[in-house]
Protein backbone atom coordinates (compact mmCIF):
# COMPACT_ATOMS: atom_id res chain seq x y z
CA MET A 1 39.22 119.53 74.20
CA VAL A 2 40.32 119.81 70.60
CA ILE A 3 40.19 116.50 68.72
CA PRO A 4 42.87 116.29 66.01
CA PRO A 5 41.88 115.26 62.51
CA ALA A 6 41.96 111.54 61.80
CA ASN A 7 44.82 111.92 59.34
CA THR A 8 47.09 113.70 61.85
CA PRO A 9 50.38 111.75 61.91
CA GLY A 10 51.60 110.32 65.21
CA ARG A 11 55.13 110.26 66.49
CA LYS A 12 57.55 109.77 63.66
CA LYS A 13 58.98 106.29 63.58
CA LYS A 14 62.66 106.17 64.41
CA ALA A 15 64.94 105.22 61.55
CA PRO A 16 66.53 101.78 61.92
CA LEU A 17 70.13 101.58 63.04
CA LYS A 18 72.88 100.92 60.54
CA PRO A 19 75.83 98.56 61.11
CA ASN A 20 78.34 101.35 60.45
CA GLU A 21 76.88 103.31 63.40
CA ILE A 22 78.34 100.79 65.87
CA GLN A 23 82.12 100.84 66.32
CA GLY A 24 84.58 100.58 69.20
CA ALA A 25 84.66 96.79 69.41
CA LYS A 26 88.34 96.89 70.41
CA TYR A 27 87.52 98.49 73.76
CA LEU A 28 84.75 96.02 74.59
CA ARG A 29 86.87 93.02 73.61
CA ASN A 30 89.21 93.84 76.47
CA ILE A 31 86.42 93.46 79.02
CA LEU A 32 85.00 90.21 77.61
CA ASP A 33 87.81 88.11 79.12
CA LEU A 34 86.98 89.54 82.55
CA LEU A 35 83.34 88.56 82.03
CA ALA A 36 84.11 85.01 80.89
CA SER A 37 83.60 83.57 84.38
CA LEU A 38 79.93 84.57 84.20
CA ARG A 39 79.09 82.45 81.16
CA ALA A 40 78.04 79.27 82.95
CA HIS A 41 75.72 81.05 85.42
CA ARG A 42 72.12 79.88 84.97
CA ASP A 43 73.09 78.24 81.69
CA CYS A 44 70.19 76.72 79.79
CA PRO A 45 70.11 75.02 76.37
CA ASN A 46 66.95 76.96 75.50
CA ARG A 47 68.52 80.36 76.21
CA ASP A 48 70.43 82.02 73.36
CA LEU A 49 71.94 84.75 75.54
CA HIS A 50 74.57 84.05 78.22
CA TYR A 51 75.37 86.26 81.22
CA ASP A 52 78.67 87.61 79.84
CA GLU A 53 76.98 88.40 76.52
CA TYR A 54 74.13 90.16 78.31
CA VAL A 55 76.59 92.41 80.15
CA ALA A 56 78.53 93.12 76.94
CA TYR A 57 75.34 94.26 75.22
CA MET A 58 74.46 96.45 78.22
CA LEU A 59 77.88 98.11 78.01
CA LEU A 60 77.36 98.62 74.29
CA TYR A 61 74.06 100.33 75.17
CA PHE A 62 75.78 102.81 77.50
CA PHE A 63 78.49 103.67 74.96
CA THR A 64 76.21 103.99 71.93
CA PRO A 65 73.77 106.90 72.33
CA VAL A 66 71.85 106.01 69.16
CA VAL A 67 70.69 102.84 70.95
CA THR A 68 67.92 104.03 73.26
CA SER A 69 65.79 100.96 73.93
CA MET A 70 65.80 97.19 74.32
CA ARG A 71 64.40 96.89 70.80
CA GLY A 72 67.25 99.00 69.42
CA LEU A 73 69.77 96.82 71.26
CA GLN A 74 68.11 93.73 69.79
CA GLN A 75 68.52 95.22 66.32
CA VAL A 76 72.24 95.76 67.02
CA SER A 77 72.51 92.05 67.80
CA THR A 78 71.60 91.30 64.18
CA PHE A 79 74.64 93.13 62.77
CA GLU A 80 77.27 90.88 61.25
CA ALA A 81 80.04 93.17 62.55
CA ILE A 82 78.95 92.50 66.15
CA HIS A 83 79.13 88.75 65.53
CA ARG A 84 82.53 88.99 63.87
CA LYS A 85 84.31 91.47 66.16
CA LEU A 86 82.79 90.63 69.52
CA LYS A 87 81.55 87.06 68.97
CA LEU A 88 78.19 88.13 70.41
CA PRO A 89 75.06 86.25 69.30
CA ARG A 90 71.76 87.53 68.05
CA PHE A 91 69.11 87.51 70.78
CA SER A 92 65.36 87.85 71.00
CA LEU A 93 63.48 90.41 73.08
CA GLY A 94 62.10 87.60 75.20
CA ALA A 95 65.60 86.27 75.94
CA PHE A 96 66.87 89.71 76.98
CA SER A 97 63.86 90.32 79.18
CA GLU A 98 64.23 86.91 80.84
CA ALA A 99 67.94 87.50 81.43
CA GLY A 100 67.09 90.56 83.50
CA ARG A 101 65.07 88.34 85.83
CA VAL A 102 67.32 85.28 86.20
CA PHE A 103 70.95 86.47 86.24
CA ASP A 104 72.36 87.24 89.69
CA PRO A 105 73.57 90.88 89.84
CA GLU A 106 75.88 90.18 92.79
CA LEU A 107 78.17 88.18 90.50
CA LEU A 108 79.15 91.52 88.95
CA ALA A 109 80.51 92.82 92.27
CA PRO A 110 83.83 90.89 91.87
CA VAL A 111 84.10 92.23 88.31
CA MET A 112 83.77 95.75 89.68
CA GLY A 113 86.34 94.92 92.33
CA GLU A 114 88.89 93.75 89.74
CA LEU A 115 88.40 96.94 87.72
CA VAL A 116 88.76 99.13 90.82
CA ASP A 117 92.01 97.31 91.71
CA GLN A 118 93.43 98.24 88.29
CA ILE A 119 92.76 101.95 88.81
CA ALA A 120 95.59 104.15 90.01
CA HIS A 121 95.18 107.00 92.46
CA VAL A 122 94.34 110.35 90.85
CA HIS A 123 93.75 112.55 93.87
CA THR A 124 96.10 115.53 94.02
CA ASP A 125 95.75 116.29 97.74
CA ARG A 126 98.95 114.68 99.04
CA ARG A 127 97.79 115.05 102.63
CA LEU A 128 95.46 112.11 102.03
CA ASP A 129 98.43 109.81 101.43
CA THR A 130 99.33 110.06 105.13
CA LEU A 131 96.00 108.74 106.40
CA GLY A 132 96.93 105.07 106.43
CA LEU A 133 93.26 104.37 105.66
CA GLU A 134 91.22 104.40 102.46
CA PRO A 135 88.88 107.43 102.46
CA THR A 136 85.50 106.13 101.32
CA LEU A 137 82.52 108.39 100.64
CA VAL A 138 79.13 106.82 101.33
CA ASP A 139 75.67 108.03 100.36
CA GLY A 140 72.45 107.02 98.65
CA THR A 141 70.43 108.47 95.78
CA LEU A 142 66.94 107.81 94.44
CA LEU A 143 66.41 106.41 90.93
CA HIS A 144 63.22 107.06 89.00
CA ALA A 145 60.74 104.18 88.93
CA LEU A 146 57.42 103.69 87.15
CA PRO A 147 54.12 103.25 89.05
CA LYS A 148 53.84 99.67 87.79
CA MET A 149 57.14 98.82 89.54
CA ALA A 150 55.29 97.79 92.68
CA TRP A 151 58.47 96.63 94.46
CA ALA A 152 59.96 100.16 94.31
CA LEU A 153 58.20 101.47 97.41
CA TRP A 154 58.69 105.12 98.32
CA VAL A 155 56.52 107.68 100.16
CA ASP A 156 53.12 106.30 99.04
CA ASP A 157 51.31 104.30 96.36
CA GLU A 158 51.62 107.13 93.85
CA HIS A 159 55.38 107.63 94.19
CA HIS A 160 57.87 104.91 93.31
CA ALA A 161 61.66 104.90 93.35
CA ALA A 162 64.63 102.62 93.78
CA LYS A 163 67.64 103.66 95.84
CA LEU A 164 71.29 103.23 94.95
CA HIS A 165 73.55 102.90 98.02
CA LEU A 166 77.10 103.66 96.91
CA GLU A 167 80.61 103.55 98.33
CA TYR A 168 82.98 105.83 96.40
CA ALA A 169 86.78 105.47 96.61
CA LEU A 170 87.97 109.06 96.94
CA LEU A 171 91.63 108.46 96.04
CA LYS A 172 90.69 106.57 92.88
CA ALA A 173 87.69 108.76 91.99
CA ALA A 174 85.70 105.61 91.29
CA PRO A 175 82.65 103.73 92.58
CA ALA A 176 83.75 100.80 94.73
CA ARG A 177 80.63 99.02 95.98
CA ALA A 178 76.90 99.35 95.31
CA THR A 179 73.58 98.01 96.59
CA VAL A 180 70.12 98.64 95.12
CA THR A 181 66.97 98.61 97.28
CA ASP A 182 63.50 100.08 97.09
CA GLY A 183 63.22 103.80 97.78
CA ASN A 184 62.63 103.22 101.48
CA GLY A 185 65.80 101.13 101.91
CA ASN A 186 67.63 102.12 105.09
CA GLU A 187 71.05 103.57 104.27
CA ARG A 188 72.48 102.81 107.71
CA THR A 189 71.42 99.16 107.56
CA VAL A 190 72.95 98.71 104.10
CA LEU A 191 76.27 100.20 105.19
CA ASN A 192 76.32 98.14 108.37
CA ASP A 193 75.95 94.97 106.27
CA THR A 194 78.88 95.88 103.98
CA LEU A 195 81.46 97.27 106.42
CA ALA A 196 85.10 96.42 105.69
CA PRO A 197 88.35 97.06 107.62
CA GLY A 198 90.94 99.68 106.74
CA LYS A 199 88.56 102.41 105.59
CA LEU A 200 87.80 105.93 106.68
CA TYR A 201 84.08 106.33 106.02
CA VAL A 202 83.07 109.94 105.29
CA LEU A 203 79.36 110.23 106.05
CA ASP A 204 76.58 112.78 106.01
CA GLY A 205 74.13 113.32 108.87
CA GLY A 206 71.82 110.50 107.79
CA TYR A 207 74.43 107.97 108.97
CA ALA A 208 74.85 109.47 112.46
CA ASP A 209 73.67 106.34 114.26
CA TYR A 210 75.74 105.51 117.33
CA GLY A 211 75.32 101.77 116.85
CA LEU A 212 76.58 102.01 113.25
CA LEU A 213 79.53 104.19 114.28
CA GLY A 214 80.44 101.67 116.98
CA SER A 215 80.31 98.85 114.40
CA ILE A 216 82.67 100.81 112.13
CA LEU A 217 85.20 101.12 114.95
CA ASP A 218 84.79 97.46 115.97
CA GLY A 219 85.50 96.51 112.34
CA ALA A 220 88.95 98.20 112.36
CA SER A 221 87.82 101.20 110.34
CA SER A 222 87.26 104.89 111.11
CA PHE A 223 84.60 107.48 110.42
CA LEU A 224 84.03 111.18 109.86
CA VAL A 225 80.37 112.06 110.21
CA ARG A 226 78.15 115.09 110.56
CA VAL A 227 75.98 115.04 113.70
CA ARG A 228 73.06 117.13 114.89
CA SER A 229 73.74 120.37 116.72
CA ASN A 230 71.65 119.11 119.66
CA SER A 231 73.75 115.96 120.13
CA VAL A 232 74.60 115.12 123.75
CA TYR A 233 78.28 114.95 124.65
CA LYS A 234 80.69 115.37 127.57
CA VAL A 235 83.83 117.43 127.04
CA LEU A 236 87.03 115.63 128.07
CA GLU A 237 89.56 118.06 126.59
CA GLU A 238 89.59 121.38 124.80
CA ARG A 239 92.23 121.75 122.11
CA PRO A 240 93.69 124.99 120.80
CA VAL A 241 92.49 125.99 117.33
CA SER A 242 95.30 126.81 114.91
CA THR A 243 95.27 129.90 112.73
CA GLU A 244 94.75 127.82 109.57
CA ALA A 245 91.87 125.92 111.16
CA CYS A 246 90.32 129.17 112.32
CA LYS A 247 90.45 130.46 108.75
CA GLY A 248 88.62 127.29 107.72
CA GLY A 249 85.78 128.14 110.09
CA VAL A 250 86.70 125.99 113.10
CA GLN A 251 85.35 127.49 116.32
CA GLU A 252 85.98 124.61 118.73
CA ASP A 253 88.15 121.47 118.68
CA LEU A 254 87.03 119.12 121.47
CA ILE A 255 87.73 115.59 122.70
CA VAL A 256 84.39 114.22 123.91
CA ARG A 257 82.32 111.26 125.03
CA LEU A 258 79.37 111.15 122.65
CA GLY A 259 75.85 110.09 123.60
CA SER A 260 73.45 110.22 126.52
CA ASP A 261 72.79 107.54 129.14
CA SER A 262 70.06 106.16 126.88
CA ALA A 263 72.55 105.83 123.98
CA PRO A 264 75.76 104.48 125.54
CA GLN A 265 77.20 102.74 122.44
CA LEU A 266 80.12 105.20 122.17
CA HIS A 267 80.66 106.04 125.84
CA GLU A 268 83.96 104.13 125.97
CA ARG A 269 85.36 105.92 122.91
CA ARG A 270 87.33 109.14 122.93
CA LEU A 271 86.05 111.05 119.92
CA ARG A 272 86.82 114.38 118.38
CA LEU A 273 84.14 117.03 117.83
CA LEU A 274 84.81 120.00 115.54
CA LYS A 275 82.38 122.90 115.45
CA LEU A 276 82.60 124.94 112.25
CA GLN A 277 80.95 128.15 111.17
CA VAL A 278 80.22 127.81 107.45
CA PRO A 279 78.41 130.01 104.92
CA ASN A 280 74.83 129.18 103.93
CA ILE A 281 75.29 129.13 100.15
CA ASP A 282 71.55 128.86 99.46
CA ALA A 283 70.83 131.98 101.51
CA LEU A 284 73.73 133.92 99.97
CA LEU A 285 72.54 133.08 96.44
CA GLY A 286 68.88 133.71 97.26
CA ARG A 287 67.82 130.10 96.66
CA LYS A 288 64.60 128.86 98.22
CA ARG A 289 64.39 125.47 99.84
CA ARG A 290 62.23 122.84 98.17
CA GLY A 291 60.84 119.51 99.26
CA ARG A 292 58.91 118.12 102.18
CA ARG A 293 61.09 119.75 104.86
CA ALA A 294 61.23 123.18 103.24
CA ARG A 295 58.59 124.76 105.49
CA ARG A 296 60.12 123.35 108.66
CA LYS A 297 63.56 124.67 107.74
CA ALA A 298 62.43 127.99 106.29
CA GLN A 299 63.69 129.84 109.34
CA ASP A 300 67.19 128.36 108.94
CA SER A 301 67.45 129.51 105.33
CA ILE A 302 67.38 133.15 106.40
CA ALA A 303 70.77 132.97 108.15
CA THR A 304 73.83 133.48 105.94
CA GLU A 305 75.91 131.18 108.19
CA TYR A 306 75.27 128.08 110.25
CA THR A 307 77.20 125.78 112.58
CA LEU A 308 78.39 122.41 111.31
CA TRP A 309 79.29 119.66 113.82
CA LEU A 310 81.73 116.97 112.67
CA VAL A 311 82.72 113.92 114.73
CA THR A 312 85.62 111.54 114.03
CA ASP A 313 87.68 108.97 115.90
CA GLN A 314 90.84 110.32 114.22
CA LEU A 315 92.22 112.37 117.11
CA GLU A 316 95.61 113.30 115.63
CA LEU A 317 94.64 114.59 112.19
CA ASP A 318 95.09 118.28 111.52
CA ALA A 319 91.77 120.06 111.79
CA GLU A 320 92.29 121.48 108.29
CA LEU A 321 92.53 117.94 106.87
CA VAL A 322 89.35 116.88 108.67
CA ILE A 323 87.54 119.83 107.11
CA ALA A 324 88.98 119.02 103.67
CA LEU A 325 87.88 115.39 103.95
CA TYR A 326 84.31 116.37 104.68
CA ARG A 327 84.30 118.84 101.80
CA TYR A 328 85.47 116.06 99.49
CA ARG A 329 82.21 114.27 100.35
CA TRP A 330 80.66 116.42 97.62
CA GLN A 331 82.50 114.26 95.05
CA ILE A 332 79.95 111.49 95.49
CA GLU A 333 77.13 113.95 94.73
CA LEU A 334 78.91 114.92 91.52
CA PHE A 335 79.22 111.25 90.63
CA PHE A 336 75.47 110.76 91.18
CA ARG A 337 74.81 113.60 88.75
CA TRP A 338 77.13 112.00 86.18
CA PHE A 339 75.50 108.61 86.77
CA LYS A 340 71.92 109.79 86.30
CA LYS A 341 72.21 112.69 83.85
CA ILE A 342 75.12 111.71 81.59
CA LEU A 343 74.79 107.91 81.58
CA GLU A 344 70.98 108.34 81.70
CA THR A 345 70.52 105.37 84.00
CA GLU A 346 66.96 106.44 84.76
CA HIS A 347 66.02 105.40 81.22
CA LEU A 348 65.02 101.89 82.28
CA LEU A 349 65.53 98.74 80.23
CA SER A 350 64.01 96.54 82.93
CA HIS A 351 61.24 97.08 85.47
CA SER A 352 62.11 94.26 87.87
CA GLN A 353 64.34 94.85 90.88
CA ASN A 354 66.78 92.23 89.62
CA GLY A 355 66.90 93.77 86.14
CA LEU A 356 67.32 97.30 87.46
CA THR A 357 70.15 96.13 89.72
CA LEU A 358 71.86 94.52 86.73
CA MET A 359 71.52 97.77 84.80
CA VAL A 360 72.98 99.78 87.68
CA TYR A 361 75.97 97.45 88.00
CA CYS A 362 76.60 97.61 84.24
CA ALA A 363 76.43 101.42 84.36
CA LEU A 364 78.97 101.45 87.19
CA ILE A 365 81.22 99.13 85.17
CA ALA A 366 80.89 101.52 82.22
CA SER A 367 82.03 104.37 84.50
CA LEU A 368 85.00 102.31 85.65
CA LEU A 369 85.94 101.53 82.06
CA VAL A 370 85.96 105.22 81.13
CA ARG A 371 88.09 105.82 84.21
CA LEU A 372 90.54 103.08 83.12
CA TRP A 373 90.66 104.07 79.46
CA THR A 374 91.33 107.75 80.17
CA GLY A 375 93.20 107.69 83.48
CA ARG A 376 90.96 110.55 84.68
CA LYS A 377 87.65 111.03 86.40
CA PRO A 378 84.91 110.60 83.78
CA THR A 379 83.60 113.89 82.41
CA LYS A 380 80.83 114.63 79.98
CA ARG A 381 83.26 115.72 77.26
CA THR A 382 85.44 112.60 77.53
CA TYR A 383 82.41 110.32 77.68
CA GLU A 384 81.10 112.00 74.51
CA MET A 385 84.42 111.36 72.77
CA VAL A 386 84.27 107.67 73.71
CA CYS A 387 80.69 107.50 72.43
CA PHE A 388 81.67 109.28 69.19
CA HIS A 389 84.34 106.62 68.69
CA PHE A 390 81.77 103.85 69.18
CA LEU A 391 79.61 105.61 66.57
CA GLY A 392 82.52 105.81 64.15
CA TRP A 393 82.57 109.63 64.17
CA VAL A 394 85.96 109.86 65.90
CA SER A 395 88.97 107.78 64.92
CA GLU A 396 91.08 105.89 67.42
CA VAL A 397 93.90 108.38 66.82
CA GLU A 398 91.61 111.32 67.59
CA LEU A 399 90.33 109.62 70.75
CA THR A 400 93.90 108.87 71.86
CA ASP A 401 94.94 112.48 71.20
CA HIS A 402 92.02 113.71 73.29
CA ILE A 403 92.91 111.42 76.20
CA GLU A 404 96.59 112.39 76.08
CA GLY A 405 95.63 116.06 76.03
CA LEU A 406 93.58 115.85 79.23
CA GLN A 407 94.89 117.92 82.08
CA PRO A 408 95.74 116.18 85.38
CA ALA A 409 92.77 116.00 87.72
CA VAL A 410 92.53 118.96 90.09
CA ASP A 411 90.27 118.69 93.15
């Protein structure tokens, strides 16, 4: 091992922030009224940072890329412009750290709900307007966690992660509900605890639990879910496959009873089973599978096509619309990429479960704000323009011109 000379300099110290690097107070002022109801939560005369102020600073963190740490955010709190424009106080590192432990993240759920209610539909597929239900994409994603975050259990003692369980409103292109658990949190259990009426849940194979699907139907909602190709079912009716559906890969359109005698939860339900032949994109592009199940599925990766089984209780929908709905499920995966790579939510400001949940909620609120300000799904370019405005590099006129020049969303 080579030992560097004693006079070798370490990592260069980051230059302190300047007050003129923080702009965009006008946009944050509009959200402060919505946060006012949080102020009295866990109020304490010895605490110099209230809940609404904590959230405002977290939003400022997400919209100001030059702020990359809790210490940098604390320095921002010393700027006179922040006090004057946003009426936000100076805080200490200890106060910010304590806030992440004591404030209840679930109080931000109604704030998210109010923002979602203000968002107009942006989806261009007019067929979705005839559903009579709200198509809701559901999935979970892992968030990086440090080894010292002992609560973030996943795999073993050397691997730690939290899990974000998200409901995504397809028509509004916006996150609608979120729950944070440790990495081993059961996705089916979380969804079962948050079911609501009037929704069409679009689910991947991990949610194909007959008890959960029965609960969705009992709760006056519907589902579209991928099931295993070895699922047990009884055919009640065979439907003709239209030419358009055949072009979409549909091989069979069946009305079935789903489940064996040992799993009778859905025996009384008439369900629809579509069997599709779809291309194996990984095989066509020469990609190799990675991860713990790669060896077990190596044989499957050779085939250039595979059969996809979709089950729904919506018996009268056109088969082409059912296929389209399941393909739209990919939108939640794109949102996860935006959430983790563009907003950089895996750069943690808190290591407690409560603090991480607060950070996740604030990041989702930031996404909703971009969605409201622009009237479009958030993209990297638009997010950069908003951040440039907060940094003072882009004027309000230039930001407005950019937003007005955006093309309508195309799915």
